[in-house]
Amino acid sequence: MTKRLLLPAAMLASLAGCAQDPPPFAPVTNVAYAALGDQPFWMVTIGDDRIVLALGAPGGTAGKGGKLTSHAYPRVLPRTDSGATIWQSGEGTEVISIESRKAARPCEAGGRHFEDSVRVTLSGRMLEGCGGRLLAGSRG
């Protein structure tokens, strides 16, 4: 009888430990496109009904203790112009533009290689990084 009680108690204890871990950053459920960069760290995710830009402080990283500020914009359909896929959303001084192009050679960010080079313009501020499909042979 004692063994029967120990097994469920051990399972509950292990689940309680998992419940305390913070959930992974997931700004949208159905991701259509994602990109990231550094200097400072940033990540843009397009999916569901929005575009979300998570932005670190200047000189900051996404490591432990790194603070991220999220900005959300209504999702829009992309347009194609001169080989680039472009999403533009927002109004007035709160405008985001994401421009994605197939890179001539793999684009590297965070030790991973991606197929696209990406430029994000946020109300006049420009961020550069990589996005799209993670290429084979990348760590991660």
N, C-alpha and C. Protein backbone atom coordinates (compact mmCIF):
# COMPACT_ATOMS: atom_id res chain seq x y z
N MET A 1 0.82 -1.20 0.00
CA MET A 1 0.00 0.00 0.00
C MET A 1 0.85 1.25 0.00
N THR A 2 1.96 1.26 0.74
CA THR A 2 2.83 2.42 0.82
C THR A 2 3.44 2.72 -0.54
N LYS A 3 3.83 1.69 -1.29
CA LYS A 3 4.42 1.89 -2.61
C LYS A 3 3.42 2.55 -3.56
N ARG A 4 2.16 2.21 -3.44
CA ARG A 4 1.13 2.81 -4.29
C ARG A 4 1.03 4.31 -4.05
N LEU A 5 1.16 4.76 -2.83
CA LEU A 5 1.07 6.18 -2.50
C LEU A 5 2.33 6.94 -2.88
N LEU A 6 3.49 6.30 -2.84
CA LEU A 6 4.75 6.97 -3.15
C LEU A 6 4.85 7.35 -4.63
N LEU A 7 4.42 6.47 -5.50
CA LEU A 7 4.50 6.75 -6.93
C LEU A 7 3.69 7.99 -7.32
N PRO A 8 2.40 8.10 -6.95
CA PRO A 8 1.66 9.32 -7.28
C PRO A 8 2.25 10.56 -6.62
N ALA A 9 2.75 10.42 -5.41
CA ALA A 9 3.35 11.57 -4.72
C ALA A 9 4.60 12.03 -5.46
N ALA A 10 5.41 11.08 -5.93
CA ALA A 10 6.62 11.44 -6.68
C ALA A 10 6.26 12.11 -7.99
N MET A 11 5.22 11.62 -8.66
CA MET A 11 4.79 12.23 -9.92
C MET A 11 4.29 13.65 -9.70
N LEU A 12 3.51 13.86 -8.65
CA LEU A 12 3.01 15.20 -8.35
C LEU A 12 4.15 16.15 -8.01
N ALA A 13 5.14 15.67 -7.29
CA ALA A 13 6.29 16.52 -6.94
C ALA A 13 7.05 16.93 -8.20
N SER A 14 7.22 15.99 -9.14
CA SER A 14 7.93 16.35 -10.37
C SER A 14 7.12 17.31 -11.22
N LEU A 15 5.80 17.14 -11.25
CA LEU A 15 4.95 18.07 -11.99
C LEU A 15 4.94 19.45 -11.36
N ALA A 16 4.99 19.51 -10.04
CA ALA A 16 5.01 20.80 -9.35
C ALA A 16 6.25 21.58 -9.73
N GLY A 17 7.38 20.89 -9.90
CA GLY A 17 8.61 21.57 -10.31
C GLY A 17 8.48 22.13 -11.71
N CYS A 18 7.83 21.41 -12.60
CA CYS A 18 7.63 21.88 -13.97
C CYS A 18 6.70 23.07 -14.01
N ALA A 19 5.71 23.09 -13.14
CA ALA A 19 4.73 24.17 -13.14
C ALA A 19 5.36 25.50 -12.78
N GLN A 20 6.50 25.49 -12.10
CA GLN A 20 7.14 26.72 -11.68
C GLN A 20 8.06 27.30 -12.75
N ASP A 21 8.43 26.50 -13.76
CA ASP A 21 9.27 27.01 -14.83
C ASP A 21 8.47 28.02 -15.65
N PRO A 22 9.11 29.14 -16.03
CA PRO A 22 8.37 30.11 -16.84
C PRO A 22 8.08 29.52 -18.22
N PRO A 23 6.95 29.87 -18.80
CA PRO A 23 6.63 29.34 -20.13
C PRO A 23 7.57 29.96 -21.17
N PRO A 24 7.83 29.24 -22.27
CA PRO A 24 8.67 29.81 -23.32
C PRO A 24 7.97 31.01 -23.95
N PHE A 25 8.76 31.93 -24.48
CA PHE A 25 8.21 33.11 -25.13
C PHE A 25 7.51 32.67 -26.41
N ALA A 26 6.23 32.89 -26.50
CA ALA A 26 5.44 32.50 -27.66
C ALA A 26 4.40 33.59 -27.91
N PRO A 27 4.77 34.63 -28.65
CA PRO A 27 3.85 35.75 -28.85
C PRO A 27 2.66 35.45 -29.74
N VAL A 28 2.77 34.42 -30.59
CA VAL A 28 1.65 34.00 -31.43
C VAL A 28 1.59 32.47 -31.42
N THR A 29 0.43 31.93 -31.73
CA THR A 29 0.26 30.48 -31.74
C THR A 29 0.66 29.89 -33.08
N ASN A 30 0.19 30.47 -34.16
CA ASN A 30 0.46 29.96 -35.51
C ASN A 30 1.44 30.89 -36.22
N VAL A 31 2.71 30.54 -36.18
CA VAL A 31 3.76 31.39 -36.75
C VAL A 31 3.79 31.24 -38.27
N ALA A 32 3.67 32.37 -38.97
CA ALA A 32 3.78 32.40 -40.43
C ALA A 32 5.19 32.77 -40.86
N TYR A 33 5.87 33.60 -40.05
CA TYR A 33 7.23 34.03 -40.36
C TYR A 33 7.89 34.52 -39.07
N ALA A 34 9.19 34.29 -38.94
CA ALA A 34 9.93 34.76 -37.77
C ALA A 34 11.34 35.17 -38.19
N ALA A 35 11.88 36.14 -37.46
CA ALA A 35 13.24 36.62 -37.72
C ALA A 35 13.84 37.09 -36.41
N LEU A 36 15.19 37.17 -36.38
CA LEU A 36 15.86 37.66 -35.18
C LEU A 36 17.18 38.32 -35.54
N GLY A 37 17.69 39.09 -34.59
CA GLY A 37 18.96 39.76 -34.76
C GLY A 37 19.54 40.14 -33.41
N ASP A 38 20.71 40.77 -33.45
CA ASP A 38 21.32 41.21 -32.20
C ASP A 38 21.85 42.63 -32.36
N GLN A 39 22.44 43.15 -31.30
CA GLN A 39 22.98 44.52 -31.29
C GLN A 39 21.91 45.58 -31.41
N PRO A 40 20.89 45.66 -30.64
CA PRO A 40 20.50 44.80 -29.52
C PRO A 40 19.74 43.58 -30.02
N PHE A 41 19.51 42.63 -29.12
CA PHE A 41 18.73 41.46 -29.48
C PHE A 41 17.32 41.90 -29.86
N TRP A 42 16.77 41.31 -30.91
CA TRP A 42 15.38 41.52 -31.29
C TRP A 42 14.84 40.26 -31.95
N MET A 43 13.53 40.10 -31.92
CA MET A 43 12.87 38.99 -32.56
C MET A 43 11.51 39.46 -33.05
N VAL A 44 11.20 39.19 -34.30
CA VAL A 44 9.88 39.53 -34.83
C VAL A 44 9.17 38.23 -35.20
N THR A 45 7.91 38.15 -34.83
CA THR A 45 7.09 36.98 -35.12
C THR A 45 5.79 37.45 -35.78
N ILE A 46 5.48 36.86 -36.91
CA ILE A 46 4.26 37.20 -37.64
C ILE A 46 3.36 35.97 -37.62
N GLY A 47 2.15 36.14 -37.12
CA GLY A 47 1.21 35.03 -37.07
C GLY A 47 -0.08 35.44 -36.41
N ASP A 48 -1.03 34.51 -36.40
CA ASP A 48 -2.36 34.79 -35.86
C ASP A 48 -2.86 36.10 -36.46
N ASP A 49 -3.20 37.05 -35.63
CA ASP A 49 -3.73 38.33 -36.12
C ASP A 49 -2.79 39.51 -35.84
N ARG A 50 -1.48 39.19 -35.59
CA ARG A 50 -0.58 40.29 -35.23
C ARG A 50 0.86 40.03 -35.65
N ILE A 51 1.61 41.12 -35.61
CA ILE A 51 3.05 41.12 -35.78
C ILE A 51 3.59 41.56 -34.42
N VAL A 52 4.52 40.78 -33.85
CA VAL A 52 5.06 41.11 -32.54
C VAL A 52 6.57 41.27 -32.66
N LEU A 53 7.06 42.41 -32.19
CA LEU A 53 8.50 42.68 -32.12
C LEU A 53 8.89 42.68 -30.66
N ALA A 54 9.78 41.77 -30.28
CA ALA A 54 10.36 41.75 -28.94
C ALA A 54 11.75 42.36 -29.07
N LEU A 55 12.00 43.40 -28.31
CA LEU A 55 13.21 44.20 -28.47
C LEU A 55 13.95 44.33 -27.15
N GLY A 56 15.25 44.02 -27.16
CA GLY A 56 16.09 44.17 -25.98
C GLY A 56 16.59 45.59 -25.87
N ALA A 57 17.13 45.91 -24.70
CA ALA A 57 17.71 47.24 -24.48
C ALA A 57 18.97 47.38 -25.32
N PRO A 58 19.35 48.60 -25.70
CA PRO A 58 20.59 48.79 -26.47
C PRO A 58 21.76 48.11 -25.77
N GLY A 59 22.50 47.29 -26.54
CA GLY A 59 23.63 46.56 -25.98
C GLY A 59 23.21 45.34 -25.19
N GLY A 60 21.89 45.10 -25.08
CA GLY A 60 21.37 43.99 -24.29
C GLY A 60 21.34 42.70 -25.07
N THR A 61 21.12 41.62 -24.34
CA THR A 61 21.00 40.30 -24.95
C THR A 61 19.71 39.66 -24.48
N ALA A 62 19.41 38.51 -25.01
CA ALA A 62 18.20 37.79 -24.61
C ALA A 62 18.50 36.78 -23.53
N GLY A 63 19.72 36.78 -22.99
CA GLY A 63 20.10 35.82 -21.97
C GLY A 63 19.34 36.06 -20.67
N LYS A 64 19.67 35.27 -19.67
CA LYS A 64 19.01 35.40 -18.38
C LYS A 64 19.15 36.82 -17.86
N GLY A 65 18.04 37.35 -17.42
CA GLY A 65 18.04 38.71 -16.89
C GLY A 65 17.85 39.77 -17.95
N GLY A 66 17.96 39.39 -19.24
CA GLY A 66 17.75 40.36 -20.31
C GLY A 66 16.28 40.74 -20.38
N LYS A 67 16.00 42.01 -20.36
CA LYS A 67 14.61 42.48 -20.42
C LYS A 67 14.23 42.71 -21.87
N LEU A 68 13.05 42.24 -22.24
CA LEU A 68 12.52 42.45 -23.58
C LEU A 68 11.27 43.28 -23.49
N THR A 69 11.13 44.19 -24.43
CA THR A 69 9.93 44.99 -24.56
C THR A 69 9.21 44.53 -25.82
N SER A 70 7.93 44.21 -25.69
CA SER A 70 7.16 43.73 -26.85
C SER A 70 6.29 44.84 -27.41
N HIS A 71 6.26 44.91 -28.73
CA HIS A 71 5.42 45.85 -29.46
C HIS A 71 4.56 45.01 -30.40
N ALA A 72 3.25 45.21 -30.39
CA ALA A 72 2.35 44.44 -31.25
C ALA A 72 1.67 45.35 -32.26
N TYR A 73 1.52 44.84 -33.46
CA TYR A 73 0.90 45.57 -34.57
C TYR A 73 -0.11 44.64 -35.23
N PRO A 74 -1.13 45.17 -35.88
CA PRO A 74 -2.07 44.31 -36.60
C PRO A 74 -1.35 43.57 -37.74
N ARG A 75 -1.68 42.31 -37.92
CA ARG A 75 -1.08 41.54 -39.00
C ARG A 75 -1.64 42.01 -40.32
N VAL A 76 -0.77 42.12 -41.30
CA VAL A 76 -1.15 42.51 -42.66
C VAL A 76 -0.63 41.45 -43.62
N LEU A 77 -1.19 41.42 -44.80
CA LEU A 77 -0.69 40.53 -45.83
C LEU A 77 0.60 41.11 -46.41
N PRO A 78 1.57 40.27 -46.73
CA PRO A 78 2.81 40.79 -47.30
C PRO A 78 2.62 41.17 -48.76
N ARG A 79 3.51 42.03 -49.22
CA ARG A 79 3.56 42.34 -50.65
C ARG A 79 4.97 42.01 -51.12
N THR A 80 5.13 41.81 -52.41
CA THR A 80 6.44 41.51 -52.98
C THR A 80 6.88 42.68 -53.84
N ASP A 81 8.13 43.11 -53.65
CA ASP A 81 8.67 44.24 -54.40
C ASP A 81 10.15 43.98 -54.66
N SER A 82 10.56 43.88 -55.91
CA SER A 82 11.95 43.67 -56.31
C SER A 82 12.59 42.50 -55.59
N GLY A 83 11.87 41.39 -55.47
CA GLY A 83 12.42 40.19 -54.86
C GLY A 83 12.35 40.16 -53.34
N ALA A 84 11.80 41.18 -52.72
CA ALA A 84 11.67 41.23 -51.27
C ALA A 84 10.22 41.01 -50.87
N THR A 85 10.02 40.33 -49.75
CA THR A 85 8.70 40.20 -49.16
C THR A 85 8.63 41.25 -48.05
N ILE A 86 7.57 42.07 -48.09
CA ILE A 86 7.48 43.22 -47.17
C ILE A 86 6.14 43.21 -46.45
N TRP A 87 6.23 43.36 -45.12
CA TRP A 87 5.04 43.56 -44.29
C TRP A 87 5.15 44.96 -43.70
N GLN A 88 4.09 45.77 -43.78
CA GLN A 88 4.07 47.10 -43.18
C GLN A 88 2.79 47.22 -42.37
N SER A 89 2.92 47.68 -41.12
CA SER A 89 1.75 47.80 -40.27
C SER A 89 1.95 48.95 -39.30
N GLY A 90 0.84 49.46 -38.79
CA GLY A 90 0.88 50.54 -37.81
C GLY A 90 0.40 51.84 -38.40
N GLU A 91 0.36 52.85 -37.52
CA GLU A 91 -0.11 54.18 -37.93
C GLU A 91 0.73 55.26 -37.27
N GLY A 92 0.74 56.41 -37.90
CA GLY A 92 1.41 57.58 -37.31
C GLY A 92 2.88 57.33 -37.03
N THR A 93 3.28 57.52 -35.77
CA THR A 93 4.68 57.33 -35.41
C THR A 93 4.97 55.90 -34.97
N GLU A 94 3.95 55.05 -34.89
CA GLU A 94 4.11 53.65 -34.49
C GLU A 94 3.95 52.75 -35.72
N VAL A 95 4.98 52.71 -36.55
CA VAL A 95 4.94 51.95 -37.80
C VAL A 95 6.09 50.96 -37.82
N ILE A 96 5.80 49.75 -38.28
CA ILE A 96 6.84 48.74 -38.45
C ILE A 96 6.84 48.27 -39.90
N SER A 97 8.03 48.05 -40.43
CA SER A 97 8.20 47.49 -41.77
C SER A 97 9.21 46.35 -41.66
N ILE A 98 8.86 45.18 -42.17
CA ILE A 98 9.75 44.03 -42.19
C ILE A 98 10.01 43.68 -43.64
N GLU A 99 11.28 43.67 -44.03
CA GLU A 99 11.67 43.34 -45.40
C GLU A 99 12.55 42.10 -45.37
N SER A 100 12.12 41.06 -46.04
CA SER A 100 12.82 39.78 -46.07
C SER A 100 13.26 39.47 -47.49
N ARG A 101 14.55 39.08 -47.64
CA ARG A 101 15.09 38.70 -48.95
C ARG A 101 15.87 37.40 -48.80
N LYS A 102 15.78 36.58 -49.84
CA LYS A 102 16.62 35.38 -49.85
C LYS A 102 18.07 35.84 -49.86
N ALA A 103 18.86 35.33 -48.93
CA ALA A 103 20.26 35.74 -48.83
C ALA A 103 21.09 35.04 -49.91
N ALA A 104 22.11 35.74 -50.41
CA ALA A 104 23.00 35.15 -51.41
C ALA A 104 23.76 33.97 -50.81
N ARG A 105 24.08 34.06 -49.53
CA ARG A 105 24.67 32.95 -48.77
C ARG A 105 23.95 32.91 -47.43
N PRO A 106 24.02 31.79 -46.71
CA PRO A 106 23.26 31.69 -45.46
C PRO A 106 23.52 32.87 -44.52
N CYS A 107 22.47 33.38 -43.94
CA CYS A 107 22.54 34.48 -42.99
C CYS A 107 22.72 33.86 -41.60
N GLU A 108 23.67 34.38 -40.81
CA GLU A 108 23.94 33.81 -39.50
C GLU A 108 23.49 34.75 -38.39
N ALA A 109 22.77 34.17 -37.43
CA ALA A 109 22.34 34.90 -36.24
C ALA A 109 22.35 33.92 -35.08
N GLY A 110 23.04 34.27 -34.01
CA GLY A 110 23.08 33.42 -32.83
C GLY A 110 23.66 32.04 -33.09
N GLY A 111 24.60 31.94 -34.04
CA GLY A 111 25.21 30.65 -34.36
C GLY A 111 24.36 29.76 -35.25
N ARG A 112 23.23 30.27 -35.69
CA ARG A 112 22.33 29.51 -36.56
C ARG A 112 22.32 30.15 -37.95
N HIS A 113 22.09 29.33 -38.95
CA HIS A 113 22.05 29.82 -40.33
C HIS A 113 20.63 29.79 -40.86
N PHE A 114 20.22 30.91 -41.46
CA PHE A 114 18.87 31.07 -42.00
C PHE A 114 18.95 31.38 -43.48
N GLU A 115 17.83 31.17 -44.18
CA GLU A 115 17.82 31.40 -45.62
C GLU A 115 17.59 32.86 -46.01
N ASP A 116 17.08 33.70 -45.11
CA ASP A 116 16.74 35.08 -45.46
C ASP A 116 17.56 36.09 -44.66
N SER A 117 17.85 37.20 -45.30
CA SER A 117 18.35 38.36 -44.55
C SER A 117 17.13 39.27 -44.36
N VAL A 118 17.06 39.89 -43.18
CA VAL A 118 15.86 40.64 -42.81
C VAL A 118 16.26 42.01 -42.30
N ARG A 119 15.47 43.00 -42.70
CA ARG A 119 15.63 44.37 -42.20
C ARG A 119 14.29 44.80 -41.62
N VAL A 120 14.33 45.24 -40.36
CA VAL A 120 13.14 45.73 -39.69
C VAL A 120 13.33 47.22 -39.46
N THR A 121 12.36 48.00 -39.89
CA THR A 121 12.38 49.44 -39.63
C THR A 121 11.23 49.75 -38.69
N LEU A 122 11.57 50.33 -37.56
CA LEU A 122 10.60 50.63 -36.52
C LEU A 122 10.61 52.13 -36.27
N SER A 123 9.63 52.81 -36.83
CA SER A 123 9.52 54.27 -36.67
C SER A 123 10.85 54.96 -36.92
N GLY A 124 11.52 54.57 -38.02
CA GLY A 124 12.77 55.20 -38.41
C GLY A 124 14.02 54.48 -37.92
N ARG A 125 13.93 53.61 -36.93
CA ARG A 125 15.08 52.86 -36.41
C ARG A 125 15.22 51.58 -37.22
N MET A 126 16.46 51.26 -37.66
CA MET A 126 16.67 50.09 -38.50
C MET A 126 17.38 48.98 -37.72
N LEU A 127 16.86 47.76 -37.84
CA LEU A 127 17.45 46.57 -37.24
C LEU A 127 17.72 45.57 -38.35
N GLU A 128 18.85 44.89 -38.30
CA GLU A 128 19.17 43.90 -39.33
C GLU A 128 19.41 42.55 -38.69
N GLY A 129 18.98 41.49 -39.39
CA GLY A 129 19.14 40.15 -38.87
C GLY A 129 18.80 39.11 -39.91
N CYS A 130 18.36 37.95 -39.43
CA CYS A 130 18.08 36.81 -40.29
C CYS A 130 16.71 36.24 -39.98
N GLY A 131 16.16 35.50 -40.94
CA GLY A 131 14.85 34.92 -40.70
C GLY A 131 14.52 33.83 -41.69
N GLY A 132 13.27 33.42 -41.64
CA GLY A 132 12.81 32.37 -42.53
C GLY A 132 13.20 31.01 -42.02
N ARG A 133 13.45 30.13 -42.95
CA ARG A 133 13.74 28.74 -42.63
C ARG A 133 15.14 28.58 -42.05
N LEU A 134 15.25 27.79 -40.96
CA LEU A 134 16.53 27.42 -40.38
C LEU A 134 17.16 26.39 -41.28
N LEU A 135 18.40 26.62 -41.71
CA LEU A 135 19.05 25.72 -42.65
C LEU A 135 19.65 24.52 -41.96
N ALA A 136 19.72 23.41 -42.67
CA ALA A 136 20.29 22.18 -42.15
C ALA A 136 21.74 22.42 -41.73
N GLY A 137 22.15 21.75 -40.68
CA GLY A 137 23.52 21.87 -40.20
C GLY A 137 23.68 22.98 -39.17
N SER A 138 22.64 23.78 -38.93
CA SER A 138 22.70 24.82 -37.91
C SER A 138 22.55 24.18 -36.54
N ARG A 139 23.18 24.76 -35.56
CA ARG A 139 22.98 24.27 -34.20
C ARG A 139 21.67 24.83 -33.69
N GLY A 140 21.08 24.18 -32.74
CA GLY A 140 19.88 24.71 -32.15
C GLY A 140 18.80 23.73 -32.15
